[in-house]
């Protein structure tokens, strides 16, 4: 009788532990974000104000849009190290056309097309050339950065029209335009990943690429398309950054790929592919943005900020691995 009661209690405890672990695994990133907001709002009166929240959202928008495209890539089990350089090259092309008097819409389309083409080249080299994503995109990182320096001659391109600058600095009903662009990108990404064939194939390829191929999925086509999407979102971020700075900097986007990957991983997408969500990526990007903003408000030394951000990312990944 006593042994039965003990066994029953042990089984109940196991169920409770599994239940807590499942909740943390599914909602841990949201819980962490809320705790971070509570802590920072307690430490700084300026943190939880409308102006500061909008400022955080504006700052986060660039990394978040890049991370949206990176999510597609990582879900397939790949990686894209070239996003920062693609951003710089796309922004330089847009600014170059604008500075010569070309229409704003045409210049933006040219920059977006360039980003998508560079991403597509990545995908083709990876799928057709059988090159590892790390190496292929590392090569594109160097190529696009070099092309940017050649095109700009190492100097910023300035003199951009107000209609373009509005995309980075303007507001609609007090909401910053970059935040609106970010919202549109994530809404489209969510619909693609949850409501389309492409989304199902992205998860299938990341889960088991060979099984997806044997099931009739054109893995070459869809993986190439995923890298094109990553290049496109990098170019969209180039629009925001170039407009916000009112210039195209040849060094723009340096190390942006690291923050984008961090946002995706913080959001719960596994680097092995096949598991994750676009909503998690958005939360991951906001966690990075909130940490940066909070540490600035607390006047923490910028050098220590890098250490703190790195530790938070590392601990989050270790905890995620443990929960899984």
C-alpha atoms as a PDB file:
ATOM      1  CA  UNK A   1       0.000   0.000   0.000  1.00  0.00           C
ATOM      2  CA  UNK A   2       2.799   2.358   1.010  1.00  0.00           C
ATOM      3  CA  UNK A   3       4.814   1.454  -2.100  1.00  0.00           C
ATOM      4  CA  UNK A   4       1.828   2.155  -4.341  1.00  0.00           C
ATOM      5  CA  UNK A   5       1.362   5.574  -2.739  1.00  0.00           C
ATOM      6  CA  UNK A   6       5.076   6.366  -3.154  1.00  0.00           C
ATOM      7  CA  UNK A   7       5.011   5.285  -6.787  1.00  0.00           C
ATOM      8  CA  UNK A   8       1.927   7.408  -7.402  1.00  0.00           C
ATOM      9  CA  UNK A   9       3.545  10.465  -5.812  1.00  0.00           C
ATOM     10  CA  UNK A  10       6.712   9.958  -7.856  1.00  0.00           C
ATOM     11  CA  UNK A  11       4.661   9.679 -11.044  1.00  0.00           C
ATOM     12  CA  UNK A  12       2.805  12.878 -10.155  1.00  0.00           C
ATOM     13  CA  UNK A  13       6.086  14.729  -9.583  1.00  0.00           C
ATOM     14  CA  UNK A  14       7.407  13.513 -12.933  1.00  0.00           C
ATOM     15  CA  UNK A  15       4.266  14.746 -14.678  1.00  0.00           C
ATOM     16  CA  UNK A  16       4.604  18.133 -12.976  1.00  0.00           C
ATOM     17  CA  UNK A  17       8.260  18.446 -13.960  1.00  0.00           C
ATOM     18  CA  UNK A  18       7.478  17.506 -17.546  1.00  0.00           C
ATOM     19  CA  UNK A  19       4.602  20.010 -17.558  1.00  0.00           C
ATOM     20  CA  UNK A  20       6.784  22.852 -16.279  1.00  0.00           C
ATOM     21  CA  UNK A  21       9.530  21.963 -18.742  1.00  0.00           C
ATOM     22  CA  UNK A  22       7.040  21.930 -21.618  1.00  0.00           C
ATOM     23  CA  UNK A  23       5.714  25.358 -20.622  1.00  0.00           C
ATOM     24  CA  UNK A  24       9.236  26.762 -20.410  1.00  0.00           C
ATOM     25  CA  UNK A  25      10.184  25.220 -23.733  1.00  0.00           C
ATOM     26  CA  UNK A  26       7.147  26.703 -25.477  1.00  0.00           C
ATOM     27  CA  UNK A  27       6.905  30.067 -23.733  1.00  0.00           C
ATOM     28  CA  UNK A  28      10.346  30.524 -22.165  1.00  0.00           C
ATOM     29  CA  UNK A  29      11.394  33.256 -24.588  1.00  0.00           C
ATOM     30  CA  UNK A  30       8.232  35.266 -23.885  1.00  0.00           C
ATOM     31  CA  UNK A  31       8.670  34.815 -20.124  1.00  0.00           C
ATOM     32  CA  UNK A  32      12.315  35.910 -20.370  1.00  0.00           C
ATOM     33  CA  UNK A  33      11.322  38.979 -22.360  1.00  0.00           C
ATOM     34  CA  UNK A  34       8.679  40.006 -19.821  1.00  0.00           C
ATOM     35  CA  UNK A  35      11.099  39.502 -16.906  1.00  0.00           C
ATOM     36  CA  UNK A  36      13.715  41.595 -18.699  1.00  0.00           C
ATOM     37  CA  UNK A  37      11.201  44.395 -19.236  1.00  0.00           C
ATOM     38  CA  UNK A  38      10.147  44.298 -15.572  1.00  0.00           C
ATOM     39  CA  UNK A  39      13.753  44.412 -14.319  1.00  0.00           C
ATOM     40  CA  UNK A  40      14.790  47.274 -16.608  1.00  0.00           C
ATOM     41  CA  UNK A  41      11.647  49.300 -15.922  1.00  0.00           C
ATOM     42  CA  UNK A  42      12.414  48.954 -12.196  1.00  0.00           C
ATOM     43  CA  UNK A  43      16.031  50.045 -12.633  1.00  0.00           C
ATOM     44  CA  UNK A  44      15.276  52.962 -14.968  1.00  0.00           C
ATOM     45  CA  UNK A  45      12.241  55.263 -14.900  1.00  0.00           C
ATOM     46  CA  UNK A  46      12.910  56.252 -18.519  1.00  0.00           C
ATOM     47  CA  UNK A  47      12.679  52.706 -19.858  1.00  0.00           C
ATOM     48  CA  UNK A  48       8.932  52.071 -19.886  1.00  0.00           C
ATOM     49  CA  UNK A  49       7.880  55.268 -21.646  1.00  0.00           C
ATOM     50  CA  UNK A  50       6.114  55.557 -24.990  1.00  0.00           C
ATOM     51  CA  UNK A  51       8.971  57.480 -26.593  1.00  0.00           C
ATOM     52  CA  UNK A  52      11.570  54.946 -25.446  1.00  0.00           C
ATOM     53  CA  UNK A  53       9.479  51.936 -26.510  1.00  0.00           C
ATOM     54  CA  UNK A  54       9.072  53.448 -29.982  1.00  0.00           C
ATOM     55  CA  UNK A  55      12.787  54.180 -30.046  1.00  0.00           C
ATOM     56  CA  UNK A  56      13.561  50.542 -29.211  1.00  0.00           C
ATOM     57  CA  UNK A  57      11.196  49.346 -31.942  1.00  0.00           C
ATOM     58  CA  UNK A  58      12.817  51.670 -34.475  1.00  0.00           C
ATOM     59  CA  UNK A  59      16.291  50.431 -33.529  1.00  0.00           C
ATOM     60  CA  UNK A  60      15.231  46.782 -33.531  1.00  0.00           C
ATOM     61  CA  UNK A  61      13.582  46.992 -36.960  1.00  0.00           C
ATOM     62  CA  UNK A  62      16.835  46.682 -38.938  1.00  0.00           C
ATOM     63  CA  UNK A  63      18.091  43.562 -37.163  1.00  0.00           C
ATOM     64  CA  UNK A  64      14.605  42.061 -36.963  1.00  0.00           C
ATOM     65  CA  UNK A  65      13.994  42.304 -40.725  1.00  0.00           C
ATOM     66  CA  UNK A  66      17.356  40.653 -41.452  1.00  0.00           C
ATOM     67  CA  UNK A  67      16.575  37.988 -38.849  1.00  0.00           C
ATOM     68  CA  UNK A  68      13.223  37.248 -40.540  1.00  0.00           C
ATOM     69  CA  UNK A  69      15.052  36.129 -43.678  1.00  0.00           C
ATOM     70  CA  UNK A  70      17.690  34.353 -41.587  1.00  0.00           C
ATOM     71  CA  UNK A  71      14.904  32.333 -39.950  1.00  0.00           C
ATOM     72  CA  UNK A  72      13.977  30.806 -43.305  1.00  0.00           C
ATOM     73  CA  UNK A  73      17.609  29.852 -43.902  1.00  0.00           C
ATOM     74  CA  UNK A  74      18.221  28.365 -40.459  1.00  0.00           C
ATOM     75  CA  UNK A  75      14.937  26.437 -40.580  1.00  0.00           C
ATOM     76  CA  UNK A  76      16.365  24.574 -43.591  1.00  0.00           C
ATOM     77  CA  UNK A  77      19.508  23.767 -41.615  1.00  0.00           C
ATOM     78  CA  UNK A  78      21.614  26.441 -43.340  1.00  0.00           C
ATOM     79  CA  UNK A  79      23.307  29.699 -42.381  1.00  0.00           C
ATOM     80  CA  UNK A  80      23.815  33.038 -44.137  1.00  0.00           C
ATOM     81  CA  UNK A  81      26.888  35.032 -43.136  1.00  0.00           C
ATOM     82  CA  UNK A  82      26.594  37.453 -46.050  1.00  0.00           C
ATOM     83  CA  UNK A  83      23.549  39.448 -44.901  1.00  0.00           C
ATOM     84  CA  UNK A  84      25.513  42.419 -43.564  1.00  0.00           C
ATOM     85  CA  UNK A  85      27.551  42.794 -46.751  1.00  0.00           C
ATOM     86  CA  UNK A  86      24.473  42.320 -48.939  1.00  0.00           C
ATOM     87  CA  UNK A  87      22.816  45.094 -46.931  1.00  0.00           C
ATOM     88  CA  UNK A  88      25.779  47.405 -47.540  1.00  0.00           C
ATOM     89  CA  UNK A  89      25.945  46.698 -51.287  1.00  0.00           C
ATOM     90  CA  UNK A  90      22.186  47.065 -51.784  1.00  0.00           C
ATOM     91  CA  UNK A  91      22.161  50.312 -49.819  1.00  0.00           C
ATOM     92  CA  UNK A  92      25.089  51.676 -51.839  1.00  0.00           C
ATOM     93  CA  UNK A  93      23.364  50.888 -55.136  1.00  0.00           C
ATOM     94  CA  UNK A  94      20.136  52.549 -53.990  1.00  0.00           C
ATOM     95  CA  UNK A  95      21.960  55.634 -52.736  1.00  0.00           C
ATOM     96  CA  UNK A  96      24.078  55.830 -55.881  1.00  0.00           C
ATOM     97  CA  UNK A  97      21.012  55.839 -58.111  1.00  0.00           C
ATOM     98  CA  UNK A  98      19.208  58.346 -55.895  1.00  0.00           C
ATOM     99  CA  UNK A  99      22.183  60.716 -55.846  1.00  0.00           C
ATOM    100  CA  UNK A 100      22.104  60.852 -59.655  1.00  0.00           C
ATOM    101  CA  UNK A 101      18.433  61.843 -59.693  1.00  0.00           C
ATOM    102  CA  UNK A 102      16.829  58.459 -60.376  1.00  0.00           C
ATOM    103  CA  UNK A 103      13.240  57.990 -59.073  1.00  0.00           C
ATOM    104  CA  UNK A 104      12.913  56.723 -55.516  1.00  0.00           C
ATOM    105  CA  UNK A 105      10.770  53.712 -56.440  1.00  0.00           C
ATOM    106  CA  UNK A 106      13.125  52.631 -59.222  1.00  0.00           C
ATOM    107  CA  UNK A 107      16.162  52.965 -56.955  1.00  0.00           C
ATOM    108  CA  UNK A 108      14.531  50.908 -54.210  1.00  0.00           C
ATOM    109  CA  UNK A 109      13.486  48.201 -56.667  1.00  0.00           C
ATOM    110  CA  UNK A 110      17.068  48.026 -57.982  1.00  0.00           C
ATOM    111  CA  UNK A 111      18.434  47.603 -54.444  1.00  0.00           C
ATOM    112  CA  UNK A 112      15.867  44.945 -53.533  1.00  0.00           C
ATOM    113  CA  UNK A 113      16.522  43.076 -56.782  1.00  0.00           C
ATOM    114  CA  UNK A 114      20.261  43.113 -56.126  1.00  0.00           C
ATOM    115  CA  UNK A 115      19.761  41.698 -52.632  1.00  0.00           C
ATOM    116  CA  UNK A 116      17.529  38.908 -53.913  1.00  0.00           C
ATOM    117  CA  UNK A 117      19.966  38.072 -56.739  1.00  0.00           C
ATOM    118  CA  UNK A 118      22.956  37.875 -54.385  1.00  0.00           C
ATOM    119  CA  UNK A 119      20.940  35.625 -52.088  1.00  0.00           C
ATOM    120  CA  UNK A 120      19.936  33.462 -55.033  1.00  0.00           C
ATOM    121  CA  UNK A 121      23.591  33.114 -56.024  1.00  0.00           C
ATOM    122  CA  UNK A 122      24.274  31.860 -52.507  1.00  0.00           C
ATOM    123  CA  UNK A 123      21.505  29.298 -52.870  1.00  0.00           C
ATOM    124  CA  UNK A 124      22.700  28.080 -56.267  1.00  0.00           C
ATOM    125  CA  UNK A 125      26.302  27.707 -55.081  1.00  0.00           C
ATOM    126  CA  UNK A 126      25.085  25.740 -52.059  1.00  0.00           C
ATOM    127  CA  UNK A 127      22.623  23.484 -53.877  1.00  0.00           C
ATOM    128  CA  UNK A 128      24.206  23.066 -57.299  1.00  0.00           C
ATOM    129  CA  UNK A 129      27.828  23.491 -56.282  1.00  0.00           C
ATOM    130  CA  UNK A 130      27.433  21.343 -53.155  1.00  0.00           C
ATOM    131  CA  UNK A 131      29.307  23.940 -51.095  1.00  0.00           C
ATOM    132  CA  UNK A 132      28.660  24.151 -47.366  1.00  0.00           C
ATOM    133  CA  UNK A 133      26.436  27.175 -46.501  1.00  0.00           C
ATOM    134  CA  UNK A 134      29.048  28.521 -44.096  1.00  0.00           C
ATOM    135  CA  UNK A 135      31.732  28.639 -46.796  1.00  0.00           C
ATOM    136  CA  UNK A 136      29.466  29.820 -49.633  1.00  0.00           C
ATOM    137  CA  UNK A 137      27.988  32.719 -47.678  1.00  0.00           C
ATOM    138  CA  UNK A 138      31.381  33.589 -46.180  1.00  0.00           C
ATOM    139  CA  UNK A 139      32.621  33.983 -49.748  1.00  0.00           C
ATOM    140  CA  UNK A 140      29.637  36.196 -50.615  1.00  0.00           C
ATOM    141  CA  UNK A 141      30.306  38.259 -47.485  1.00  0.00           C
ATOM    142  CA  UNK A 142      33.745  39.114 -48.825  1.00  0.00           C
ATOM    143  CA  UNK A 143      32.622  39.609 -52.436  1.00  0.00           C
ATOM    144  CA  UNK A 144      29.704  41.924 -51.584  1.00  0.00           C
ATOM    145  CA  UNK A 145      31.798  43.946 -49.133  1.00  0.00           C
ATOM    146  CA  UNK A 146      34.553  44.356 -51.703  1.00  0.00           C
ATOM    147  CA  UNK A 147      32.022  45.336 -54.387  1.00  0.00           C
ATOM    148  CA  UNK A 148      30.574  47.939 -52.006  1.00  0.00           C
ATOM    149  CA  UNK A 149      33.989  49.485 -51.393  1.00  0.00           C
ATOM    150  CA  UNK A 150      34.714  49.534 -55.119  1.00  0.00           C
ATOM    151  CA  UNK A 151      31.345  51.115 -55.974  1.00  0.00           C
ATOM    152  CA  UNK A 152      31.577  53.789 -53.266  1.00  0.00           C
ATOM    153  CA  UNK A 153      35.347  54.245 -53.542  1.00  0.00           C
ATOM    154  CA  UNK A 154      35.367  53.831 -49.774  1.00  0.00           C
ATOM    155  CA  UNK A 155      33.352  57.029 -49.212  1.00  0.00           C
ATOM    156  CA  UNK A 156      29.757  57.571 -48.014  1.00  0.00           C
ATOM    157  CA  UNK A 157      27.112  58.425 -50.605  1.00  0.00           C
ATOM    158  CA  UNK A 158      25.014  61.372 -49.437  1.00  0.00           C
ATOM    159  CA  UNK A 159      22.477  63.821 -50.819  1.00  0.00           C
ATOM    160  CA  UNK A 160      19.417  61.570 -50.714  1.00  0.00           C
ATOM    161  CA  UNK A 161      15.905  62.949 -51.386  1.00  0.00           C
ATOM    162  CA  UNK A 162      13.493  63.630 -48.529  1.00  0.00           C
ATOM    163  CA  UNK A 163      10.961  61.122 -49.878  1.00  0.00           C
ATOM    164  CA  UNK A 164      13.508  58.362 -49.364  1.00  0.00           C
ATOM    165  CA  UNK A 165      14.756  59.620 -45.998  1.00  0.00           C
ATOM    166  CA  UNK A 166      11.151  59.519 -44.746  1.00  0.00           C
ATOM    167  CA  UNK A 167      11.298  55.698 -44.932  1.00  0.00           C
ATOM    168  CA  UNK A 168      13.869  55.685 -42.150  1.00  0.00           C
ATOM    169  CA  UNK A 169      12.948  58.755 -40.125  1.00  0.00           C
ATOM    170  CA  UNK A 170       9.256  59.366 -40.816  1.00  0.00           C
ATOM    171  CA  UNK A 171       6.164  58.442 -38.833  1.00  0.00           C
ATOM    172  CA  UNK A 172       2.572  57.458 -39.547  1.00  0.00           C
ATOM    173  CA  UNK A 173       0.211  58.322 -36.687  1.00  0.00           C
ATOM    174  CA  UNK A 174       3.268  58.523 -34.386  1.00  0.00           C
ATOM    175  CA  UNK A 175       4.383  55.021 -35.393  1.00  0.00           C
ATOM    176  CA  UNK A 176       7.865  55.034 -36.985  1.00  0.00           C
ATOM    177  CA  UNK A 177       7.871  53.944 -40.628  1.00  0.00           C
ATOM    178  CA  UNK A 178      10.644  51.342 -39.976  1.00  0.00           C
ATOM    179  CA  UNK A 179       8.356  49.689 -37.422  1.00  0.00           C
ATOM    180  CA  UNK A 180       5.570  49.520 -40.001  1.00  0.00           C
ATOM    181  CA  UNK A 181       7.975  47.959 -42.525  1.00  0.00           C
ATOM    182  CA  UNK A 182       9.113  45.434 -39.892  1.00  0.00           C
ATOM    183  CA  UNK A 183       5.505  44.549 -39.100  1.00  0.00           C
ATOM    184  CA  UNK A 184       4.711  43.960 -42.776  1.00  0.00           C
ATOM    185  CA  UNK A 185       7.805  41.767 -43.223  1.00  0.00           C
ATOM    186  CA  UNK A 186       6.980  39.612 -40.207  1.00  0.00           C
ATOM    187  CA  UNK A 187       3.327  39.328 -41.139  1.00  0.00           C
ATOM    188  CA  UNK A 188       4.292  38.136 -44.627  1.00  0.00           C
ATOM    189  CA  UNK A 189       6.901  35.751 -43.179  1.00  0.00           C
ATOM    190  CA  UNK A 190       4.394  34.293 -40.740  1.00  0.00           C
ATOM    191  CA  UNK A 191       1.832  33.701 -43.480  1.00  0.00           C
ATOM    192  CA  UNK A 192       4.422  32.110 -45.750  1.00  0.00           C
ATOM    193  CA  UNK A 193       5.715  29.748 -43.069  1.00  0.00           C
ATOM    194  CA  UNK A 194       2.300  28.722 -41.754  1.00  0.00           C
ATOM    195  CA  UNK A 195      -0.065  28.958 -44.713  1.00  0.00           C
ATOM    196  CA  UNK A 196       1.886  28.074 -47.859  1.00  0.00           C
ATOM    197  CA  UNK A 197       3.564  25.123 -49.537  1.00  0.00           C
ATOM    198  CA  UNK A 198       6.899  26.927 -49.279  1.00  0.00           C
ATOM    199  CA  UNK A 199       6.551  27.088 -45.509  1.00  0.00           C
ATOM    200  CA  UNK A 200       5.782  23.376 -45.218  1.00  0.00           C
ATOM    201  CA  UNK A 201       8.731  22.515 -47.438  1.00  0.00           C
ATOM    202  CA  UNK A 202      11.069  24.759 -45.442  1.00  0.00           C
ATOM    203  CA  UNK A 203      10.285  22.784 -42.287  1.00  0.00           C
ATOM    204  CA  UNK A 204      10.423  19.477 -44.171  1.00  0.00           C
ATOM    205  CA  UNK A 205      13.861  20.221 -45.639  1.00  0.00           C
ATOM    206  CA  UNK A 206      15.202  21.281 -42.262  1.00  0.00           C
ATOM    207  CA  UNK A 207      13.731  18.243 -40.546  1.00  0.00           C
ATOM    208  CA  UNK A 208      15.132  15.697 -42.997  1.00  0.00           C
ATOM    209  CA  UNK A 209      16.397  16.921 -46.346  1.00  0.00           C
ATOM    210  CA  UNK A 210      16.837  13.466 -47.863  1.00  0.00           C
ATOM    211  CA  UNK A 211      13.334  12.383 -46.826  1.00  0.00           C
ATOM    212  CA  UNK A 212      11.931  15.590 -48.326  1.00  0.00           C
ATOM    213  CA  UNK A 213      13.758  14.908 -51.589  1.00  0.00           C
ATOM    214  CA  UNK A 214      12.472  11.310 -51.716  1.00  0.00           C
ATOM    215  CA  UNK A 215       8.960  12.656 -51.086  1.00  0.00           C
ATOM    216  CA  UNK A 216       9.145  14.694 -54.281  1.00  0.00           C
ATOM    217  CA  UNK A 217      10.180  18.081 -52.904  1.00  0.00           C
ATOM    218  CA  UNK A 218      12.403  20.065 -55.273  1.00  0.00           C
ATOM    219  CA  UNK A 219      15.007  20.726 -52.600  1.00  0.00           C
ATOM    220  CA  UNK A 220      17.340  22.606 -54.957  1.00  0.00           C
ATOM    221  CA  UNK A 221      14.641  25.085 -55.966  1.00  0.00           C
ATOM    222  CA  UNK A 222      13.251  25.721 -52.485  1.00  0.00           C
ATOM    223  CA  UNK A 223      16.623  26.048 -50.762  1.00  0.00           C
ATOM    224  CA  UNK A 224      17.744  28.516 -53.435  1.00  0.00           C
ATOM    225  CA  UNK A 225      14.502  30.438 -52.943  1.00  0.00           C
ATOM    226  CA  UNK A 226      15.098  30.582 -49.190  1.00  0.00           C
ATOM    227  CA  UNK A 227      18.508  32.215 -49.671  1.00  0.00           C
ATOM    228  CA  UNK A 228      16.950  34.658 -52.140  1.00  0.00           C
ATOM    229  CA  UNK A 229      14.451  35.602 -49.410  1.00  0.00           C
ATOM    230  CA  UNK A 230      17.340  36.181 -47.007  1.00  0.00           C
ATOM    231  CA  UNK A 231      19.017  38.466 -49.535  1.00  0.00           C
ATOM    232  CA  UNK A 232      15.748  40.322 -50.085  1.00  0.00           C
ATOM    233  CA  UNK A 233      15.187  40.981 -46.374  1.00  0.00           C
ATOM    234  CA  UNK A 234      18.779  42.217 -46.114  1.00  0.00           C
ATOM    235  CA  UNK A 235      18.025  44.702 -48.896  1.00  0.00           C
ATOM    236  CA  UNK A 236      14.832  45.797 -47.123  1.00  0.00           C
ATOM    237  CA  UNK A 237      16.927  46.494 -44.038  1.00  0.00           C
ATOM    238  CA  UNK A 238      19.281  48.456 -46.298  1.00  0.00           C
ATOM    239  CA  UNK A 239      16.364  50.732 -47.206  1.00  0.00           C
ATOM    240  CA  UNK A 240      15.667  51.415 -43.522  1.00  0.00           C
ATOM    241  CA  UNK A 241      19.302  51.942 -42.528  1.00  0.00           C
ATOM    242  CA  UNK A 242      20.277  54.059 -45.538  1.00  0.00           C
ATOM    243  CA  UNK A 243      17.197  56.247 -45.177  1.00  0.00           C
ATOM    244  CA  UNK A 244      17.691  56.617 -41.443  1.00  0.00           C
ATOM    245  CA  UNK A 245      21.344  57.678 -41.836  1.00  0.00           C
ATOM    246  CA  UNK A 246      20.545  59.780 -44.923  1.00  0.00           C
ATOM    247  CA  UNK A 247      23.600  58.184 -46.508  1.00  0.00           C
ATOM    248  CA  UNK A 248      25.047  54.852 -47.640  1.00  0.00           C
ATOM    249  CA  UNK A 249      28.118  53.939 -45.609  1.00  0.00           C
ATOM    250  CA  UNK A 250      30.610  51.499 -47.197  1.00  0.00           C
ATOM    251  CA  UNK A 251      31.091  49.887 -43.782  1.00  0.00           C
ATOM    252  CA  UNK A 252      27.363  49.509 -43.086  1.00  0.00           C
ATOM    253  CA  UNK A 253      26.172  46.141 -41.860  1.00  0.00           C
ATOM    254  CA  UNK A 254      29.467  44.946 -40.374  1.00  0.00           C
ATOM    255  CA  UNK A 255      28.734  42.051 -37.949  1.00  0.00           C
ATOM    256  CA  UNK A 256      24.963  42.407 -38.511  1.00  0.00           C
ATOM    257  CA  UNK A 257      24.853  38.707 -39.342  1.00  0.00           C
ATOM    258  CA  UNK A 258      25.847  37.895 -35.752  1.00  0.00           C
ATOM    259  CA  UNK A 259      22.933  39.797 -34.214  1.00  0.00           C
ATOM    260  CA  UNK A 260      20.544  38.289 -36.766  1.00  0.00           C
ATOM    261  CA  UNK A 261      21.670  34.742 -35.990  1.00  0.00           C
ATOM    262  CA  UNK A 262      21.495  35.518 -32.264  1.00  0.00           C
ATOM    263  CA  UNK A 263      17.903  36.777 -32.627  1.00  0.00           C
ATOM    264  CA  UNK A 264      16.867  33.616 -34.463  1.00  0.00           C
ATOM    265  CA  UNK A 265      18.525  31.293 -31.953  1.00  0.00           C
ATOM    266  CA  UNK A 266      17.208  33.268 -28.973  1.00  0.00           C
ATOM    267  CA  UNK A 267      13.769  32.902 -30.510  1.00  0.00           C
ATOM    268  CA  UNK A 268      13.981  29.125 -30.229  1.00  0.00           C
ATOM    269  CA  UNK A 269      14.888  28.135 -33.791  1.00  0.00           C
ATOM    270  CA  UNK A 270      17.377  25.302 -33.670  1.00  0.00           C
ATOM    271  CA  UNK A 271      20.511  25.571 -35.811  1.00  0.00           C
ATOM    272  CA  UNK A 272      19.956  21.962 -36.883  1.00  0.00           C
ATOM    273  CA  UNK A 273      16.850  23.109 -38.766  1.00  0.00           C
ATOM    274  CA  UNK A 274      13.245  22.002 -38.887  1.00  0.00           C
ATOM    275  CA  UNK A 275      12.067  23.602 -35.650  1.00  0.00           C
ATOM    276  CA  UNK A 276      11.319  27.226 -34.795  1.00  0.00           C
ATOM    277  CA  UNK A 277       8.957  30.107 -35.453  1.00  0.00           C
ATOM    278  CA  UNK A 278       9.033  33.599 -36.916  1.00  0.00           C
ATOM    279  CA  UNK A 279       7.320  34.968 -33.804  1.00  0.00           C
ATOM    280  CA  UNK A 280      10.155  33.663 -31.670  1.00  0.00           C
ATOM    281  CA  UNK A 281      12.641  35.449 -33.911  1.00  0.00           C
ATOM    282  CA  UNK A 282      10.814  38.748 -33.392  1.00  0.00           C
ATOM    283  CA  UNK A 283      10.969  38.275 -29.615  1.00  0.00           C
ATOM    284  CA  UNK A 284      14.644  37.370 -29.879  1.00  0.00           C
ATOM    285  CA  UNK A 285      15.370  40.572 -31.800  1.00  0.00           C
ATOM    286  CA  UNK A 286      13.488  42.614 -29.218  1.00  0.00           C
ATOM    287  CA  UNK A 287      15.382  40.971 -26.364  1.00  0.00           C
ATOM    288  CA  UNK A 288      18.670  42.048 -27.950  1.00  0.00           C
ATOM    289  CA  UNK A 289      17.280  45.533 -28.549  1.00  0.00           C
ATOM    290  CA  UNK A 290      15.919  45.847 -25.014  1.00  0.00           C
ATOM    291  CA  UNK A 291      19.252  44.740 -23.537  1.00  0.00           C
ATOM    292  CA  UNK A 292      21.141  47.316 -25.618  1.00  0.00           C
ATOM    293  CA  UNK A 293      18.692  50.081 -24.735  1.00  0.00           C
ATOM    294  CA  UNK A 294      18.503  49.190 -21.047  1.00  0.00           C
ATOM    295  CA  UNK A 295      22.268  49.079 -20.626  1.00  0.00           C
ATOM    296  CA  UNK A 296      22.560  52.458 -22.353  1.00  0.00           C
ATOM    297  CA  UNK A 297      19.973  53.969 -20.003  1.00  0.00           C
ATOM    298  CA  UNK A 298      21.901  52.532 -17.045  1.00  0.00           C
ATOM    299  CA  UNK A 299      25.106  54.092 -18.394  1.00  0.00           C
ATOM    300  CA  UNK A 300      26.901  50.755 -18.576  1.00  0.00           C
ATOM    301  CA  UNK A 301      30.282  50.896 -20.292  1.00  0.00           C
ATOM    302  CA  UNK A 302      29.850  49.899 -23.996  1.00  0.00           C
ATOM    303  CA  UNK A 303      32.634  47.329 -23.650  1.00  0.00           C
ATOM    304  CA  UNK A 304      30.775  45.624 -20.814  1.00  0.00           C
ATOM    305  CA  UNK A 305      27.586  45.758 -22.853  1.00  0.00           C
ATOM    306  CA  UNK A 306      29.092  43.360 -25.377  1.00  0.00           C
ATOM    307  CA  UNK A 307      30.038  40.981 -22.567  1.00  0.00           C
ATOM    308  CA  UNK A 308      26.556  41.093 -21.037  1.00  0.00           C
ATOM    309  CA  UNK A 309      24.834  40.557 -24.388  1.00  0.00           C
ATOM    310  CA  UNK A 310      27.095  37.619 -25.180  1.00  0.00           C
ATOM    311  CA  UNK A 311      26.442  36.007 -21.812  1.00  0.00           C
ATOM    312  CA  UNK A 312      22.678  36.412 -22.175  1.00  0.00           C
ATOM    313  CA  UNK A 313      22.733  34.797 -25.620  1.00  0.00           C
ATOM    314  CA  UNK A 314      24.953  31.931 -24.432  1.00  0.00           C
ATOM    315  CA  UNK A 315      22.836  31.247 -21.351  1.00  0.00           C
ATOM    316  CA  UNK A 316      19.628  31.341 -23.396  1.00  0.00           C
ATOM    317  CA  UNK A 317      20.969  28.801 -25.880  1.00  0.00           C
ATOM    318  CA  UNK A 318      22.266  26.521 -23.111  1.00  0.00           C
ATOM    319  CA  UNK A 319      18.900  26.679 -21.331  1.00  0.00           C
ATOM    320  CA  UNK A 320      17.058  25.954 -24.562  1.00  0.00           C
ATOM    321  CA  UNK A 321      19.254  22.923 -25.212  1.00  0.00           C
ATOM    322  CA  UNK A 322      18.670  21.720 -21.656  1.00  0.00           C
ATOM    323  CA  UNK A 323      14.889  22.067 -21.938  1.00  0.00           C
ATOM    324  CA  UNK A 324      14.864  20.168 -25.227  1.00  0.00           C
END
